[in-house]
């Protein structure tokens, strides 16, 4: 039986197929060329290399004196004061911010007005003014008392004994921090979907339980990155307590710079590096806190830096194997 016109070729007459390597070469998709990106990358790398070269080779930075001062007891004592002031102010400021935020969203017009006025006042006054005012607070009120309003006092305190340099610094920073933390917390509370409040209320849960177990944990996803920015600013703001006679990290460096004028630049570099270390540590904690509270909100948790590095190495090995196979 003869084949109809246009029939397929037989196996014996079929042309030879390409080898597997030729097929992979023919199917490979060429990446889009981006010359502008490569030019910009090269410019950035040249600028970074010049900056690093200047930092290393410029004798003005006196890196030998930097190594000498970096771990000196005076600097470490100031660092300890900075950590103490920042930690106490962060805790008290956040606690005050939560109370102010709850007052701001409460049903009481008095609480809302007081919270708004406090936030407006302390966000308007510079922090250095608050610290200096508290430092001279004893000139206005020499004693503090507890008792009946407009009546007799039961307990009286000597303001000069209570207002130590550390107390003034912590109180001043906490008062200032609470005003900003209040807005951060209020924004986080408002970010929680209204349906969550309605569902919790429909279950008959008490208001305190609803806030602690349902509303606030969800609000923390929005609160954490914003408050960490405030916390980093707080760490840097501790440098102002030098003006109320408290020798923190910046105060110690400043006093040593006055004693050794030739070492001002390396001493400032010492303070800069320590502040970079502190803010970097806060940023690492921020990453893991955000990752913890992202559970249930995202399908996959963001990878840790170690996981990113391992995935990058795995991808590089796979790419090298494909190149070798071709």
Protein backbone atom coordinates (compact mmCIF):
# COMPACT_ATOMS: atom_id res chain seq x y z
CA UNK A 1 0.00 0.00 0.00
CA UNK A 2 1.52 3.30 -1.10
CA UNK A 3 1.80 6.25 1.27
CA UNK A 4 -0.26 9.35 0.55
CA UNK A 5 1.45 12.53 -0.60
CA UNK A 6 2.96 14.56 2.21
CA UNK A 7 3.41 11.59 4.55
CA UNK A 8 6.10 11.73 7.26
CA UNK A 9 9.56 10.41 6.52
CA UNK A 10 10.45 6.96 7.68
CA UNK A 11 12.92 6.38 10.52
CA UNK A 12 15.64 5.52 8.02
CA UNK A 13 15.14 8.78 6.13
CA UNK A 14 14.80 11.10 9.22
CA UNK A 15 17.63 13.63 9.70
CA UNK A 16 19.98 12.99 12.63
CA UNK A 17 18.95 14.78 15.87
CA UNK A 18 21.21 17.28 17.64
CA UNK A 19 23.35 16.17 20.54
CA UNK A 20 22.09 17.01 24.08
CA UNK A 21 24.73 19.73 24.52
CA UNK A 22 23.70 21.35 21.22
CA UNK A 23 20.05 21.25 22.28
CA UNK A 24 20.86 22.97 25.59
CA UNK A 25 22.88 25.61 23.73
CA UNK A 26 20.02 26.25 21.32
CA UNK A 27 17.43 26.50 24.13
CA UNK A 28 19.47 28.76 26.43
CA UNK A 29 17.90 32.18 26.96
CA UNK A 30 20.36 35.02 26.69
CA UNK A 31 20.09 37.51 29.58
CA UNK A 32 19.13 41.09 28.85
CA UNK A 33 22.18 43.30 28.55
CA UNK A 34 22.20 46.27 30.91
CA UNK A 35 25.30 48.37 30.18
CA UNK A 36 24.03 51.27 32.32
CA UNK A 37 23.89 49.09 35.40
CA UNK A 38 27.44 47.84 34.88
CA UNK A 39 28.76 51.37 34.35
CA UNK A 40 27.04 52.63 37.51
CA UNK A 41 28.32 49.63 39.47
CA UNK A 42 31.86 50.31 38.32
CA UNK A 43 31.60 53.99 39.33
CA UNK A 44 30.29 53.07 42.79
CA UNK A 45 33.05 50.50 43.29
CA UNK A 46 35.70 53.07 42.33
CA UNK A 47 34.26 55.62 44.77
CA UNK A 48 34.07 53.06 47.59
CA UNK A 49 37.65 51.97 46.91
CA UNK A 50 38.85 55.58 47.02
CA UNK A 51 37.06 56.22 50.32
CA UNK A 52 38.51 53.08 51.90
CA UNK A 53 41.96 53.91 50.59
CA UNK A 54 41.72 57.38 52.08
CA UNK A 55 40.62 56.01 55.44
CA UNK A 56 43.49 53.55 55.60
CA UNK A 57 46.33 55.67 54.24
CA UNK A 58 45.52 59.16 55.55
CA UNK A 59 47.74 59.78 58.59
CA UNK A 60 45.27 62.37 59.87
CA UNK A 61 43.06 59.57 61.30
CA UNK A 62 45.90 58.21 63.51
CA UNK A 63 44.72 54.61 63.56
CA UNK A 64 47.43 53.66 66.06
CA UNK A 65 45.91 56.08 68.59
CA UNK A 66 42.46 54.74 67.69
CA UNK A 67 43.59 51.23 68.71
CA UNK A 68 45.04 52.65 71.91
CA UNK A 69 41.83 54.41 72.98
CA UNK A 70 39.24 51.91 71.75
CA UNK A 71 39.26 49.66 74.84
CA UNK A 72 40.56 52.08 77.43
CA UNK A 73 38.74 51.85 80.81
CA UNK A 74 37.58 55.47 80.53
CA UNK A 75 35.86 54.79 77.22
CA UNK A 76 34.35 51.51 78.43
CA UNK A 77 33.00 53.20 81.57
CA UNK A 78 31.32 55.81 79.40
CA UNK A 79 29.96 53.05 77.19
CA UNK A 80 28.45 51.38 80.24
CA UNK A 81 26.72 54.62 81.24
CA UNK A 82 25.36 54.97 77.70
CA UNK A 83 23.95 51.44 77.77
CA UNK A 84 22.39 51.98 81.21
CA UNK A 85 20.75 55.28 80.27
CA UNK A 86 19.53 53.95 76.91
CA UNK A 87 18.10 50.74 78.41
CA UNK A 88 16.24 52.47 81.25
CA UNK A 89 14.95 55.24 78.99
CA UNK A 90 13.79 52.74 76.34
CA UNK A 91 11.79 50.68 78.86
CA UNK A 92 10.26 53.67 80.63
CA UNK A 93 9.64 55.51 77.37
CA UNK A 94 7.86 52.54 75.79
CA UNK A 95 5.75 51.99 78.92
CA UNK A 96 4.79 55.66 78.94
CA UNK A 97 4.10 55.57 75.22
CA UNK A 98 1.72 52.61 75.59
CA UNK A 99 -0.20 54.40 78.36
CA UNK A 100 -0.40 57.59 76.31
CA UNK A 101 -1.54 55.68 73.21
CA UNK A 102 -4.26 53.90 75.18
CA UNK A 103 -5.38 57.24 76.61
CA UNK A 104 -5.44 58.72 73.11
CA UNK A 105 -7.81 56.03 71.80
CA UNK A 106 -9.93 55.84 74.96
CA UNK A 107 -13.47 57.08 75.24
CA UNK A 108 -12.63 59.72 77.86
CA UNK A 109 -12.26 63.21 76.37
CA UNK A 110 -10.08 64.24 79.34
CA UNK A 111 -7.62 61.40 78.77
CA UNK A 112 -7.54 62.10 75.04
CA UNK A 113 -6.87 65.79 75.63
CA UNK A 114 -4.11 65.14 78.18
CA UNK A 115 -2.43 62.57 75.93
CA UNK A 116 -2.57 64.86 72.89
CA UNK A 117 -1.23 67.82 74.89
CA UNK A 118 1.66 65.78 76.31
CA UNK A 119 2.62 64.46 72.89
CA UNK A 120 2.36 67.90 71.31
CA UNK A 121 4.44 69.52 74.07
CA UNK A 122 7.36 67.10 74.19
CA UNK A 123 7.55 66.70 70.43
CA UNK A 124 7.82 70.47 70.15
CA UNK A 125 10.55 71.07 72.77
CA UNK A 126 14.15 70.10 71.84
CA UNK A 127 15.60 67.34 74.00
CA UNK A 128 18.56 69.46 75.10
CA UNK A 129 16.11 72.06 76.47
CA UNK A 130 14.27 69.36 78.46
CA UNK A 131 17.52 68.06 79.96
CA UNK A 132 18.80 71.49 80.93
CA UNK A 133 15.41 72.42 82.41
CA UNK A 134 15.39 69.26 84.55
CA UNK A 135 19.00 69.91 85.56
CA UNK A 136 17.90 73.27 87.00
CA UNK A 137 14.60 71.92 88.34
CA UNK A 138 15.84 72.25 91.91
CA UNK A 139 15.87 76.03 91.58
CA UNK A 140 12.09 75.96 91.03
CA UNK A 141 11.11 73.21 93.47
CA UNK A 142 13.54 72.47 96.31
CA UNK A 143 11.24 69.84 97.84
CA UNK A 144 8.69 67.39 96.46
CA UNK A 145 5.81 66.11 98.57
CA UNK A 146 2.96 63.59 98.51
CA UNK A 147 -0.29 64.29 100.29
CA UNK A 148 -3.76 65.72 99.95
CA UNK A 149 -4.10 68.03 96.93
CA UNK A 150 -4.09 71.64 98.13
CA UNK A 151 -3.77 70.26 101.66
CA UNK A 152 -1.22 68.83 104.07
CA UNK A 153 1.74 66.81 102.82
CA UNK A 154 2.40 63.35 104.22
CA UNK A 155 5.84 62.64 102.70
CA UNK A 156 8.44 65.20 101.65
CA UNK A 157 11.51 64.57 99.48
CA UNK A 158 14.61 66.65 99.02
CA UNK A 159 14.86 67.29 95.28
CA UNK A 160 18.65 67.69 95.35
CA UNK A 161 19.07 64.13 96.68
CA UNK A 162 16.66 62.59 94.20
CA UNK A 163 17.86 64.45 91.11
CA UNK A 164 21.18 62.74 90.49
CA UNK A 165 22.84 63.14 87.12
CA UNK A 166 21.73 59.63 86.10
CA UNK A 167 18.15 60.25 87.24
CA UNK A 168 17.95 63.54 85.33
CA UNK A 169 19.24 61.90 82.16
CA UNK A 170 16.85 58.93 82.38
CA UNK A 171 13.82 61.07 83.25
CA UNK A 172 14.53 63.58 80.49
CA UNK A 173 15.06 60.95 77.81
CA UNK A 174 12.06 58.92 79.00
CA UNK A 175 9.72 61.92 78.91
CA UNK A 176 10.87 62.77 75.40
CA UNK A 177 10.80 59.17 74.21
CA UNK A 178 7.28 58.54 75.54
CA UNK A 179 5.85 61.27 73.32
CA UNK A 180 7.24 59.67 70.15
CA UNK A 181 6.53 56.11 71.30
CA UNK A 182 2.89 57.06 71.91
CA UNK A 183 2.40 57.89 68.24
CA UNK A 184 4.22 54.74 67.16
CA UNK A 185 2.06 52.55 69.39
CA UNK A 186 -1.14 54.36 68.39
CA UNK A 187 -0.31 53.83 64.72
CA UNK A 188 0.26 50.14 65.39
CA UNK A 189 -3.06 49.80 67.20
CA UNK A 190 -4.89 51.52 64.38
CA UNK A 191 -3.27 49.15 61.86
CA UNK A 192 -5.07 46.13 63.34
CA UNK A 193 -8.10 45.24 61.25
CA UNK A 194 -11.40 46.24 62.83
CA UNK A 195 -12.71 42.74 62.19
CA UNK A 196 -10.25 41.41 64.77
CA UNK A 197 -11.80 43.64 67.43
CA UNK A 198 -15.32 42.63 66.41
CA UNK A 199 -14.48 38.92 66.35
CA UNK A 200 -12.87 39.08 69.80
CA UNK A 201 -15.85 41.00 71.17
CA UNK A 202 -18.26 38.48 69.64
CA UNK A 203 -16.50 35.71 71.54
CA UNK A 204 -17.17 37.56 74.79
CA UNK A 205 -13.49 37.99 75.67
CA UNK A 206 -12.65 40.61 78.31
CA UNK A 207 -11.18 43.86 77.00
CA UNK A 208 -7.87 43.38 78.80
CA UNK A 209 -7.47 39.86 77.41
CA UNK A 210 -8.41 41.02 73.91
CA UNK A 211 -5.73 43.71 74.04
CA UNK A 212 -2.97 41.48 75.45
CA UNK A 213 -3.58 38.36 73.37
CA UNK A 214 -5.15 39.53 70.11
CA UNK A 215 -4.78 43.23 69.36
CA UNK A 216 -1.34 44.09 70.72
CA UNK A 217 0.54 41.06 69.26
CA UNK A 218 -0.79 41.97 65.81
CA UNK A 219 0.04 45.64 66.33
CA UNK A 220 3.64 44.72 67.18
CA UNK A 221 4.27 43.87 63.52
CA UNK A 222 3.77 47.54 62.73
CA UNK A 223 5.19 48.91 65.98
CA UNK A 224 8.53 47.08 65.92
CA UNK A 225 10.25 48.66 62.87
CA UNK A 226 9.04 52.15 63.75
CA UNK A 227 9.97 51.92 67.42
CA UNK A 228 13.40 50.49 66.62
CA UNK A 229 14.05 53.65 64.62
CA UNK A 230 13.15 55.57 67.76
CA UNK A 231 15.39 53.30 69.81
CA UNK A 232 18.35 53.93 67.52
CA UNK A 233 17.68 57.64 67.82
CA UNK A 234 17.55 57.23 71.59
CA UNK A 235 20.97 55.57 71.65
CA UNK A 236 22.40 58.52 69.74
CA UNK A 237 20.49 61.02 71.90
CA UNK A 238 22.31 59.77 74.98
CA UNK A 239 25.25 61.87 73.79
CA UNK A 240 23.32 64.93 75.03
CA UNK A 241 23.47 63.83 78.68
CA UNK A 242 27.03 65.16 78.67
CA UNK A 243 25.45 68.59 79.10
CA UNK A 244 23.94 67.55 82.46
CA UNK A 245 27.36 66.47 83.80
CA UNK A 246 26.95 62.75 83.10
CA UNK A 247 29.99 61.17 81.48
CA UNK A 248 28.56 58.78 78.93
CA UNK A 249 30.45 57.52 75.89
CA UNK A 250 30.48 60.88 74.15
CA UNK A 251 31.22 62.70 77.41
CA UNK A 252 34.21 60.46 78.12
CA UNK A 253 35.56 60.96 74.61
CA UNK A 254 34.99 64.71 74.85
CA UNK A 255 36.80 65.00 78.19
CA UNK A 256 39.72 62.93 76.92
CA UNK A 257 39.86 65.13 73.82
CA UNK A 258 40.18 68.21 76.02
CA UNK A 259 43.01 66.54 77.94
CA UNK A 260 44.77 65.21 74.82
CA UNK A 261 44.04 67.74 72.02
CA UNK A 262 46.20 65.84 69.54
CA UNK A 263 43.93 62.79 69.81
CA UNK A 264 40.60 64.47 69.08
CA UNK A 265 40.11 62.77 65.70
CA UNK A 266 40.92 59.20 66.84
CA UNK A 267 38.75 59.71 69.93
CA UNK A 268 35.83 60.80 67.77
CA UNK A 269 36.41 57.74 65.60
CA UNK A 270 36.29 55.59 68.73
CA UNK A 271 32.89 57.05 69.65
CA UNK A 272 31.68 56.64 66.07
CA UNK A 273 32.63 52.97 65.89
CA UNK A 274 31.03 52.20 69.26
CA UNK A 275 27.78 53.90 68.21
CA UNK A 276 27.87 51.89 64.97
CA UNK A 277 28.26 48.69 66.99
CA UNK A 278 25.36 49.58 69.28
CA UNK A 279 22.98 50.51 66.46
CA UNK A 280 23.98 47.41 64.49
CA UNK A 281 23.18 45.22 67.50
CA UNK A 282 19.77 46.88 67.79
CA UNK A 283 19.16 46.28 64.07
CA UNK A 284 19.96 42.56 64.44
CA UNK A 285 17.50 42.27 67.32
CA UNK A 286 14.93 44.13 65.21
CA UNK A 287 15.29 41.61 62.38
CA UNK A 288 14.60 38.60 64.60
CA UNK A 289 11.72 40.30 66.44
CA UNK A 290 10.07 41.21 63.13
CA UNK A 291 10.65 37.68 61.90
CA UNK A 292 9.04 36.25 65.04
CA UNK A 293 5.91 38.38 64.77
CA UNK A 294 5.64 37.72 61.03
CA UNK A 295 4.54 34.16 61.78
CA UNK A 296 1.01 33.66 60.51
CA UNK A 297 1.06 36.91 58.53
CA UNK A 298 3.27 35.64 55.68
CA UNK A 299 3.41 32.30 53.93
CA UNK A 300 7.17 31.98 54.34
CA UNK A 301 9.35 33.68 56.93
CA UNK A 302 12.09 35.96 55.61
CA UNK A 303 15.45 34.13 55.53
CA UNK A 304 18.10 34.95 58.08
CA UNK A 305 21.46 36.37 56.87
CA UNK A 306 23.03 32.93 57.34
CA UNK A 307 20.30 31.33 55.24
CA UNK A 308 20.76 33.99 52.54
CA UNK A 309 24.50 33.34 52.42
CA UNK A 310 23.99 29.58 52.22
CA UNK A 311 21.41 29.96 49.45
CA UNK A 312 23.77 32.24 47.54
CA UNK A 313 26.60 29.71 47.76
CA UNK A 314 24.28 26.91 46.67
CA UNK A 315 23.13 28.92 43.67
CA UNK A 316 26.72 29.76 42.74
CA UNK A 317 27.73 26.08 42.84
CA UNK A 318 24.75 25.11 40.67
CA UNK A 319 25.63 27.80 38.16
CA UNK A 320 29.27 26.64 37.99
CA UNK A 321 28.12 23.05 37.41
CA UNK A 322 25.89 24.15 34.52
CA UNK A 323 28.74 26.14 33.00
CA UNK A 324 31.07 23.14 33.31
CA UNK A 325 28.51 20.80 31.73
CA UNK A 326 28.23 23.05 28.68
